[in-house]
Amino acid sequence: MHLDDEIYRIVDRLGLVHAFAAISRPALGLRLLDDDLHVLSEFHRDADHSPNGFPQANMFDQPDFEKLLRDNLSRCRHARLWGGRVSRSCAPGR
């Protein structure tokens, strides 16, 4: 999976920036190919940092990120996971 530097800011706000950095890989961009390997679209990104302070393109395995988010729920005393969905939003310090 992929997320950009804007979403990385949210990950930081959740207090997960270091844990996410450990399971993600900055990328130089993304190239989308068709069945014949012709380029449909290509996006170049800065793998170091953006104006937001995080890599612009980040690749990760979705199950690892989901586990990270679920494990973080224990920090949010009002958040509960019901049927795969969080029942209340959580912000740091709540």
PDB file of N, CA and C in Angstrom:
ATOM      1  N   MET A   1       0.841  -1.169   0.000  1.00  0.00           N
ATOM      2  CA  MET A   1       0.000   0.000   0.000  1.00  0.00           C
ATOM      3  C   MET A   1       0.890   1.236   0.000  1.00  0.00           C
ATOM      4  N   HIS A   2       0.246   2.378  -0.191  1.00  0.00           N
ATOM      5  CA  HIS A   2       0.950   3.649  -0.289  1.00  0.00           C
ATOM      6  C   HIS A   2       0.206   4.718   0.497  1.00  0.00           C
ATOM      7  N   LEU A   3       0.964   5.578   1.135  1.00  0.00           N
ATOM      8  CA  LEU A   3       0.383   6.817   1.660  1.00  0.00           C
ATOM      9  C   LEU A   3       1.378   7.941   1.445  1.00  0.00           C
ATOM     10  N   ASP A   4       0.851   9.157   1.372  1.00  0.00           N
ATOM     11  CA  ASP A   4       1.705  10.308   1.079  1.00  0.00           C
ATOM     12  C   ASP A   4       2.071  11.069   2.350  1.00  0.00           C
ATOM     13  N   ASP A   5       2.792  12.168   2.165  1.00  0.00           N
ATOM     14  CA  ASP A   5       3.273  12.948   3.297  1.00  0.00           C
ATOM     15  C   ASP A   5       2.151  13.614   4.086  1.00  0.00           C
ATOM     16  N   GLU A   6       1.026  13.883   3.449  1.00  0.00           N
ATOM     17  CA  GLU A   6      -0.115  14.473   4.164  1.00  0.00           C
ATOM     18  C   GLU A   6      -0.678  13.480   5.183  1.00  0.00           C
ATOM     19  N   ILE A   7      -0.821  12.232   4.771  1.00  0.00           N
ATOM     20  CA  ILE A   7      -1.326  11.207   5.687  1.00  0.00           C
ATOM     21  C   ILE A   7      -0.268  10.889   6.748  1.00  0.00           C
ATOM     22  N   TYR A   8       0.991  10.954   6.364  1.00  0.00           N
ATOM     23  CA  TYR A   8       2.074  10.739   7.329  1.00  0.00           C
ATOM     24  C   TYR A   8       1.953  11.743   8.477  1.00  0.00           C
ATOM     25  N   ARG A   9       1.515  12.961   8.180  1.00  0.00           N
ATOM     26  CA  ARG A   9       1.303  13.955   9.240  1.00  0.00           C
ATOM     27  C   ARG A   9       0.253  13.484  10.234  1.00  0.00           C
ATOM     28  N   ILE A  10      -0.785  12.828   9.752  1.00  0.00           N
ATOM     29  CA  ILE A  10      -1.820  12.292  10.642  1.00  0.00           C
ATOM     30  C   ILE A  10      -1.242  11.168  11.490  1.00  0.00           C
ATOM     31  N   VAL A  11      -0.446  10.313  10.861  1.00  0.00           N
ATOM     32  CA  VAL A  11       0.222   9.238  11.589  1.00  0.00           C
ATOM     33  C   VAL A  11       1.083   9.832  12.714  1.00  0.00           C
ATOM     34  N   ASP A  12       1.777  10.918  12.431  1.00  0.00           N
ATOM     35  CA  ASP A  12       2.580  11.606  13.435  1.00  0.00           C
ATOM     36  C   ASP A  12       1.699  12.128  14.562  1.00  0.00           C
ATOM     37  N   ARG A  13       0.575  12.731  14.205  1.00  0.00           N
ATOM     38  CA  ARG A  13      -0.345  13.272  15.221  1.00  0.00           C
ATOM     39  C   ARG A  13      -0.892  12.181  16.132  1.00  0.00           C
ATOM     40  N   LEU A  14      -1.024  10.985  15.610  1.00  0.00           N
ATOM     41  CA  LEU A  14      -1.466   9.849  16.417  1.00  0.00           C
ATOM     42  C   LEU A  14      -0.359   9.307  17.320  1.00  0.00           C
ATOM     43  N   GLY A  15       0.854   9.846  17.164  1.00  0.00           N
ATOM     44  CA  GLY A  15       1.973   9.392  17.981  1.00  0.00           C
ATOM     45  C   GLY A  15       2.626   8.127  17.454  1.00  0.00           C
ATOM     46  N   LEU A  16       2.421   7.832  16.162  1.00  0.00           N
ATOM     47  CA  LEU A  16       2.909   6.586  15.583  1.00  0.00           C
ATOM     48  C   LEU A  16       4.019   6.785  14.563  1.00  0.00           C
ATOM     49  N   VAL A  17       4.602   7.963  14.513  1.00  0.00           N
ATOM     50  CA  VAL A  17       5.557   8.274  13.447  1.00  0.00           C
ATOM     51  C   VAL A  17       6.763   7.332  13.453  1.00  0.00           C
ATOM     52  N   HIS A  18       7.306   7.012  14.604  1.00  0.00           N
ATOM     53  CA  HIS A  18       8.482   6.143  14.645  1.00  0.00           C
ATOM     54  C   HIS A  18       8.114   4.698  14.335  1.00  0.00           C
ATOM     55  N   ALA A  19       6.983   4.257  14.851  1.00  0.00           N
ATOM     56  CA  ALA A  19       6.535   2.890  14.570  1.00  0.00           C
ATOM     57  C   ALA A  19       6.196   2.730  13.091  1.00  0.00           C
ATOM     58  N   PHE A  20       5.577   3.761  12.484  1.00  0.00           N
ATOM     59  CA  PHE A  20       5.265   3.676  11.061  1.00  0.00           C
ATOM     60  C   PHE A  20       6.541   3.698  10.224  1.00  0.00           C
ATOM     61  N   ALA A  21       7.503   4.519  10.608  1.00  0.00           N
ATOM     62  CA  ALA A  21       8.768   4.565   9.874  1.00  0.00           C
ATOM     63  C   ALA A  21       9.444   3.194   9.868  1.00  0.00           C
ATOM     64  N   ALA A  22       9.252   2.428  10.947  1.00  0.00           N
ATOM     65  CA  ALA A  22       9.874   1.107  11.036  1.00  0.00           C
ATOM     66  C   ALA A  22       9.228   0.088  10.100  1.00  0.00           C
ATOM     67  N   ILE A  23       7.956   0.308   9.706  1.00  0.00           N
ATOM     68  CA  ILE A  23       7.273  -0.671   8.842  1.00  0.00           C
ATOM     69  C   ILE A  23       7.073  -0.158   7.415  1.00  0.00           C
ATOM     70  N   SER A  24       7.535   1.052   7.139  1.00  0.00           N
ATOM     71  CA  SER A  24       7.320   1.621   5.801  1.00  0.00           C
ATOM     72  C   SER A  24       8.647   1.853   5.095  1.00  0.00           C
ATOM     73  N   ARG A  25       8.533   2.081   3.793  1.00  0.00           N
ATOM     74  CA  ARG A  25       9.701   2.331   2.963  1.00  0.00           C
ATOM     75  C   ARG A  25       9.442   3.560   2.099  1.00  0.00           C
ATOM     76  N   PRO A  26      10.243   4.624   2.258  1.00  0.00           N
ATOM     77  CA  PRO A  26      10.082   5.778   1.373  1.00  0.00           C
ATOM     78  C   PRO A  26      10.330   5.357  -0.074  1.00  0.00           C
ATOM     79  N   ALA A  27       9.605   5.961  -0.985  1.00  0.00           N
ATOM     80  CA  ALA A  27       9.718   5.613  -2.403  1.00  0.00           C
ATOM     81  C   ALA A  27       9.979   6.860  -3.233  1.00  0.00           C
ATOM     82  N   LEU A  28      10.553   6.646  -4.407  1.00  0.00           N
ATOM     83  CA  LEU A  28      10.828   7.748  -5.327  1.00  0.00           C
ATOM     84  C   LEU A  28       9.614   8.116  -6.165  1.00  0.00           C
ATOM     85  N   GLY A  29       8.535   7.389  -5.993  1.00  0.00           N
ATOM     86  CA  GLY A  29       7.319   7.663  -6.736  1.00  0.00           C
ATOM     87  C   GLY A  29       6.559   6.385  -7.016  1.00  0.00           C
ATOM     88  N   LEU A  30       5.749   6.444  -8.054  1.00  0.00           N
ATOM     89  CA  LEU A  30       4.877   5.328  -8.379  1.00  0.00           C
ATOM     90  C   LEU A  30       4.697   5.281  -9.891  1.00  0.00           C
ATOM     91  N   ARG A  31       4.764   4.095 -10.438  1.00  0.00           N
ATOM     92  CA  ARG A  31       4.529   3.905 -11.869  1.00  0.00           C
ATOM     93  C   ARG A  31       3.419   2.874 -12.025  1.00  0.00           C
ATOM     94  N   LEU A  32       2.358   3.245 -12.700  1.00  0.00           N
ATOM     95  CA  LEU A  32       1.229   2.351 -12.952  1.00  0.00           C
ATOM     96  C   LEU A  32       1.341   1.806 -14.366  1.00  0.00           C
ATOM     97  N   LEU A  33       1.277   0.472 -14.493  1.00  0.00           N
ATOM     98  CA  LEU A  33       1.440  -0.200 -15.778  1.00  0.00           C
ATOM     99  C   LEU A  33       0.173  -0.954 -16.157  1.00  0.00           C
ATOM    100  N   ASP A  34      -0.046  -1.120 -17.468  1.00  0.00           N
ATOM    101  CA  ASP A  34      -1.160  -1.951 -17.924  1.00  0.00           C
ATOM    102  C   ASP A  34      -0.671  -3.393 -18.067  1.00  0.00           C
ATOM    103  N   ASP A  35      -1.529  -4.281 -18.545  1.00  0.00           N
ATOM    104  CA  ASP A  35      -1.184  -5.696 -18.684  1.00  0.00           C
ATOM    105  C   ASP A  35       0.008  -5.936 -19.605  1.00  0.00           C
ATOM    106  N   ASP A  36       0.228  -5.039 -20.548  1.00  0.00           N
ATOM    107  CA  ASP A  36       1.356  -5.164 -21.478  1.00  0.00           C
ATOM    108  C   ASP A  36       2.597  -4.401 -21.006  1.00  0.00           C
ATOM    109  N   LEU A  37       2.560  -3.959 -19.767  1.00  0.00           N
ATOM    110  CA  LEU A  37       3.654  -3.228 -19.132  1.00  0.00           C
ATOM    111  C   LEU A  37       3.920  -1.854 -19.735  1.00  0.00           C
ATOM    112  N   HIS A  38       2.903  -1.275 -20.372  1.00  0.00           N
ATOM    113  CA  HIS A  38       2.994   0.111 -20.835  1.00  0.00           C
ATOM    114  C   HIS A  38       2.661   1.029 -19.666  1.00  0.00           C
ATOM    115  N   VAL A  39       3.393   2.107 -19.565  1.00  0.00           N
ATOM    116  CA  VAL A  39       3.178   3.052 -18.470  1.00  0.00           C
ATOM    117  C   VAL A  39       1.864   3.802 -18.687  1.00  0.00           C
ATOM    118  N   LEU A  40       0.971   3.694 -17.709  1.00  0.00           N
ATOM    119  CA  LEU A  40      -0.289   4.430 -17.732  1.00  0.00           C
ATOM    120  C   LEU A  40      -0.126   5.805 -17.083  1.00  0.00           C
ATOM    121  N   SER A  41       0.636   5.824 -16.010  1.00  0.00           N
ATOM    122  CA  SER A  41       0.859   7.067 -15.286  1.00  0.00           C
ATOM    123  C   SER A  41       2.103   6.898 -14.421  1.00  0.00           C
ATOM    124  N   GLU A  42       2.756   8.016 -14.150  1.00  0.00           N
ATOM    125  CA  GLU A  42       3.965   7.967 -13.334  1.00  0.00           C
ATOM    126  C   GLU A  42       4.038   9.228 -12.480  1.00  0.00           C
ATOM    127  N   PHE A  43       4.387   9.044 -11.213  1.00  0.00           N
ATOM    128  CA  PHE A  43       4.486  10.148 -10.272  1.00  0.00           C
ATOM    129  C   PHE A  43       5.857  10.106  -9.625  1.00  0.00           C
ATOM    130  N   HIS A  44       6.593  11.195  -9.699  1.00  0.00           N
ATOM    131  CA  HIS A  44       7.902  11.288  -9.064  1.00  0.00           C
ATOM    132  C   HIS A  44       7.741  12.023  -7.739  1.00  0.00           C
ATOM    133  N   ARG A  45       8.384  11.492  -6.696  1.00  0.00           N
ATOM    134  CA  ARG A  45       8.270  12.076  -5.366  1.00  0.00           C
ATOM    135  C   ARG A  45       9.649  12.178  -4.720  1.00  0.00           C
ATOM    136  N   ASP A  46       9.756  13.073  -3.751  1.00  0.00           N
ATOM    137  CA  ASP A  46      10.979  13.244  -2.984  1.00  0.00           C
ATOM    138  C   ASP A  46      10.994  12.192  -1.880  1.00  0.00           C
ATOM    139  N   ALA A  47      11.972  11.306  -1.912  1.00  0.00           N
ATOM    140  CA  ALA A  47      12.046  10.228  -0.925  1.00  0.00           C
ATOM    141  C   ALA A  47      12.595  10.702   0.418  1.00  0.00           C
ATOM    142  N   ASP A  48      13.181  11.886   0.442  1.00  0.00           N
ATOM    143  CA  ASP A  48      13.720  12.373   1.709  1.00  0.00           C
ATOM    144  C   ASP A  48      12.644  13.100   2.512  1.00  0.00           C
ATOM    145  N   HIS A  49      12.307  14.305   2.100  1.00  0.00           N
ATOM    146  CA  HIS A  49      11.305  15.055   2.853  1.00  0.00           C
ATOM    147  C   HIS A  49      10.564  16.019   1.941  1.00  0.00           C
ATOM    148  N   SER A  50       9.379  16.347   2.376  1.00  0.00           N
ATOM    149  CA  SER A  50       8.534  17.306   1.680  1.00  0.00           C
ATOM    150  C   SER A  50       8.418  18.545   2.558  1.00  0.00           C
ATOM    151  N   PRO A  51       7.657  19.537   2.134  1.00  0.00           N
ATOM    152  CA  PRO A  51       7.410  20.684   3.015  1.00  0.00           C
ATOM    153  C   PRO A  51       6.726  20.271   4.330  1.00  0.00           C
ATOM    154  N   ASN A  52       6.076  19.084   4.323  1.00  0.00           N
ATOM    155  CA  ASN A  52       5.426  18.588   5.543  1.00  0.00           C
ATOM    156  C   ASN A  52       6.404  17.888   6.477  1.00  0.00           C
ATOM    157  N   GLY A  53       7.635  17.651   6.013  1.00  0.00           N
ATOM    158  CA  GLY A  53       8.638  17.038   6.860  1.00  0.00           C
ATOM    159  C   GLY A  53       8.721  15.527   6.785  1.00  0.00           C
ATOM    160  N   PHE A  54       7.974  14.917   5.885  1.00  0.00           N
ATOM    161  CA  PHE A  54       7.961  13.462   5.745  1.00  0.00           C
ATOM    162  C   PHE A  54       8.162  13.088   4.280  1.00  0.00           C
ATOM    163  N   PRO A  55       8.609  11.863   4.014  1.00  0.00           N
ATOM    164  CA  PRO A  55       8.735  11.433   2.619  1.00  0.00           C
ATOM    165  C   PRO A  55       7.391  11.561   1.896  1.00  0.00           C
ATOM    166  N   GLN A  56       7.441  11.954   0.634  1.00  0.00           N
ATOM    167  CA  GLN A  56       6.211  12.185  -0.129  1.00  0.00           C
ATOM    168  C   GLN A  56       5.510  10.902  -0.563  1.00  0.00           C
ATOM    169  N   ALA A  57       6.239   9.799  -0.664  1.00  0.00           N
ATOM    170  CA  ALA A  57       5.649   8.519  -1.049  1.00  0.00           C
ATOM    171  C   ALA A  57       6.168   7.450  -0.105  1.00  0.00           C
ATOM    172  N   ASN A  58       5.257   6.668   0.460  1.00  0.00           N
ATOM    173  CA  ASN A  58       5.625   5.672   1.446  1.00  0.00           C
ATOM    174  C   ASN A  58       4.886   4.377   1.155  1.00  0.00           C
ATOM    175  N   MET A  59       5.652   3.309   1.030  1.00  0.00           N
ATOM    176  CA  MET A  59       5.079   1.997   0.757  1.00  0.00           C
ATOM    177  C   MET A  59       5.089   1.185   2.059  1.00  0.00           C
ATOM    178  N   PHE A  60       4.050   0.373   2.256  1.00  0.00           N
ATOM    179  CA  PHE A  60       3.957  -0.428   3.473  1.00  0.00           C
ATOM    180  C   PHE A  60       3.022  -1.606   3.217  1.00  0.00           C
ATOM    181  N   ASP A  61       3.089  -2.597   4.089  1.00  0.00           N
ATOM    182  CA  ASP A  61       2.180  -3.735   4.024  1.00  0.00           C
ATOM    183  C   ASP A  61       0.957  -3.408   4.873  1.00  0.00           C
ATOM    184  N   GLN A  62      -0.209  -3.483   4.270  1.00  0.00           N
ATOM    185  CA  GLN A  62      -1.437  -3.069   4.954  1.00  0.00           C
ATOM    186  C   GLN A  62      -1.675  -3.795   6.272  1.00  0.00           C
ATOM    187  N   PRO A  63      -1.488  -5.125   6.366  1.00  0.00           N
ATOM    188  CA  PRO A  63      -1.722  -5.776   7.667  1.00  0.00           C
ATOM    189  C   PRO A  63      -0.830  -5.215   8.778  1.00  0.00           C
ATOM    190  N   ASP A  64       0.399  -4.838   8.448  1.00  0.00           N
ATOM    191  CA  ASP A  64       1.291  -4.252   9.459  1.00  0.00           C
ATOM    192  C   ASP A  64       0.765  -2.908   9.938  1.00  0.00           C
ATOM    193  N   PHE A  65       0.273  -2.090   9.009  1.00  0.00           N
ATOM    194  CA  PHE A  65      -0.263  -0.775   9.382  1.00  0.00           C
ATOM    195  C   PHE A  65      -1.556  -0.923  10.180  1.00  0.00           C
ATOM    196  N   GLU A  66      -2.413  -1.856   9.787  1.00  0.00           N
ATOM    197  CA  GLU A  66      -3.647  -2.086  10.541  1.00  0.00           C
ATOM    198  C   GLU A  66      -3.342  -2.523  11.967  1.00  0.00           C
ATOM    199  N   LYS A  67      -2.351  -3.392  12.136  1.00  0.00           N
ATOM    200  CA  LYS A  67      -1.961  -3.824  13.481  1.00  0.00           C
ATOM    201  C   LYS A  67      -1.459  -2.638  14.289  1.00  0.00           C
ATOM    202  N   LEU A  68      -0.663  -1.800  13.674  1.00  0.00           N
ATOM    203  CA  LEU A  68      -0.155  -0.606  14.340  1.00  0.00           C
ATOM    204  C   LEU A  68      -1.309   0.277  14.823  1.00  0.00           C
ATOM    205  N   LEU A  69      -2.292   0.500  13.965  1.00  0.00           N
ATOM    206  CA  LEU A  69      -3.444   1.326  14.334  1.00  0.00           C
ATOM    207  C   LEU A  69      -4.277   0.670  15.436  1.00  0.00           C
ATOM    208  N   ARG A  70      -4.517  -0.624  15.307  1.00  0.00           N
ATOM    209  CA  ARG A  70      -5.311  -1.331  16.330  1.00  0.00           C
ATOM    210  C   ARG A  70      -4.595  -1.320  17.674  1.00  0.00           C
ATOM    211  N   ASP A  71      -3.284  -1.567  17.664  1.00  0.00           N
ATOM    212  CA  ASP A  71      -2.525  -1.548  18.915  1.00  0.00           C
ATOM    213  C   ASP A  71      -2.565  -0.171  19.561  1.00  0.00           C
ATOM    214  N   ASN A  72      -2.654   0.881  18.762  1.00  0.00           N
ATOM    215  CA  ASN A  72      -2.702   2.245  19.277  1.00  0.00           C
ATOM    216  C   ASN A  72      -4.034   2.557  19.978  1.00  0.00           C
ATOM    217  N   LEU A  73      -5.062   1.791  19.690  1.00  0.00           N
ATOM    218  CA  LEU A  73      -6.367   2.045  20.314  1.00  0.00           C
ATOM    219  C   LEU A  73      -6.301   1.968  21.835  1.00  0.00           C
ATOM    220  N   SER A  74      -5.388   1.175  22.376  1.00  0.00           N
ATOM    221  CA  SER A  74      -5.291   1.051  23.827  1.00  0.00           C
ATOM    222  C   SER A  74      -4.919   2.379  24.488  1.00  0.00           C
ATOM    223  N   ARG A  75      -4.323   3.293  23.735  1.00  0.00           N
ATOM    224  CA  ARG A  75      -3.975   4.622  24.259  1.00  0.00           C
ATOM    225  C   ARG A  75      -5.186   5.545  24.312  1.00  0.00           C
ATOM    226  N   CYS A  76      -6.256   5.165  23.664  1.00  0.00           N
ATOM    227  CA  CYS A  76      -7.451   6.007  23.556  1.00  0.00           C
ATOM    228  C   CYS A  76      -8.555   5.398  24.404  1.00  0.00           C
ATOM    229  N   ARG A  77      -8.699   5.876  25.610  1.00  0.00           N
ATOM    230  CA  ARG A  77      -9.619   5.221  26.553  1.00  0.00           C
ATOM    231  C   ARG A  77     -11.070   5.210  26.093  1.00  0.00           C
ATOM    232  N   HIS A  78     -11.476   6.120  25.224  1.00  0.00           N
ATOM    233  CA  HIS A  78     -12.866   6.162  24.775  1.00  0.00           C
ATOM    234  C   HIS A  78     -13.091   5.434  23.452  1.00  0.00           C
ATOM    235  N   ALA A  79     -12.047   4.981  22.831  1.00  0.00           N
ATOM    236  CA  ALA A  79     -12.178   4.306  21.536  1.00  0.00           C
ATOM    237  C   ALA A  79     -12.415   2.814  21.746  1.00  0.00           C
ATOM    238  N   ARG A  80     -13.320   2.255  20.983  1.00  0.00           N
ATOM    239  CA  ARG A  80     -13.607   0.826  21.023  1.00  0.00           C
ATOM    240  C   ARG A  80     -13.718   0.320  19.599  1.00  0.00           C
ATOM    241  N   LEU A  81     -13.262  -0.894  19.387  1.00  0.00           N
ATOM    242  CA  LEU A  81     -13.347  -1.525  18.081  1.00  0.00           C
ATOM    243  C   LEU A  81     -14.551  -2.464  18.079  1.00  0.00           C
ATOM    244  N   TRP A  82     -15.505  -2.167  17.221  1.00  0.00           N
ATOM    245  CA  TRP A  82     -16.725  -2.975  17.114  1.00  0.00           C
ATOM    246  C   TRP A  82     -16.884  -3.404  15.672  1.00  0.00           C
ATOM    247  N   GLY A  83     -16.899  -4.684  15.414  1.00  0.00           N
ATOM    248  CA  GLY A  83     -17.101  -5.180  14.057  1.00  0.00           C
ATOM    249  C   GLY A  83     -16.094  -4.619  13.069  1.00  0.00           C
ATOM    250  N   GLY A  84     -14.874  -4.381  13.520  1.00  0.00           N
ATOM    251  CA  GLY A  84     -13.845  -3.861  12.642  1.00  0.00           C
ATOM    252  C   GLY A  84     -13.840  -2.351  12.514  1.00  0.00           C
ATOM    253  N   ARG A  85     -14.729  -1.653  13.234  1.00  0.00           N
ATOM    254  CA  ARG A  85     -14.795  -0.188  13.149  1.00  0.00           C
ATOM    255  C   ARG A  85     -14.596   0.436  14.515  1.00  0.00           C
ATOM    256  N   VAL A  86     -13.952   1.590  14.535  1.00  0.00           N
ATOM    257  CA  VAL A  86     -13.739   2.319  15.774  1.00  0.00           C
ATOM    258  C   VAL A  86     -15.002   3.095  16.096  1.00  0.00           C
ATOM    259  N   SER A  87     -15.484   2.983  17.356  1.00  0.00           N
ATOM    260  CA  SER A  87     -16.738   3.630  17.713  1.00  0.00           C
ATOM    261  C   SER A  87     -16.588   5.106  18.056  1.00  0.00           C
ATOM    262  N   ARG A  88     -15.403   5.561  18.421  1.00  0.00           N
ATOM    263  CA  ARG A  88     -15.169   6.988  18.705  1.00  0.00           C
ATOM    264  C   ARG A  88     -13.828   7.387  18.165  1.00  0.00           C
ATOM    265  N   SER A  89     -13.718   8.639  17.771  1.00  0.00           N
ATOM    266  CA  SER A  89     -12.430   9.115  17.303  1.00  0.00           C
ATOM    267  C   SER A  89     -11.485   9.296  18.484  1.00  0.00           C
ATOM    268  N   CYS A  90     -10.230   9.338  18.173  1.00  0.00           N
ATOM    269  CA  CYS A  90      -9.225   9.458  19.226  1.00  0.00           C
ATOM    270  C   CYS A  90      -8.203  10.501  18.819  1.00  0.00           C
ATOM    271  N   ALA A  91      -7.875  11.358  19.728  1.00  0.00           N
ATOM    272  CA  ALA A  91      -6.792  12.312  19.531  1.00  0.00           C
ATOM    273  C   ALA A  91      -5.809  12.124  20.678  1.00  0.00           C
ATOM    274  N   PRO A  92      -4.560  12.454  20.500  1.00  0.00           N
ATOM    275  CA  PRO A  92      -3.589  12.302  21.577  1.00  0.00           C
ATOM    276  C   PRO A  92      -4.057  12.994  22.843  1.00  0.00           C
ATOM    277  N   GLY A  93      -3.834  12.323  23.963  1.00  0.00           N
ATOM    278  CA  GLY A  93      -4.203  12.898  25.245  1.00  0.00           C
ATOM    279  C   GLY A  93      -5.635  12.628  25.675  1.00  0.00           C
ATOM    280  N   ARG A  94      -6.394  11.920  24.861  1.00  0.00           N
ATOM    281  CA  ARG A  94      -7.782  11.636  25.226  1.00  0.00           C
ATOM    282  C   ARG A  94      -7.886  10.304  25.893  1.00  0.00           C
TER     283      ARG A  94
END
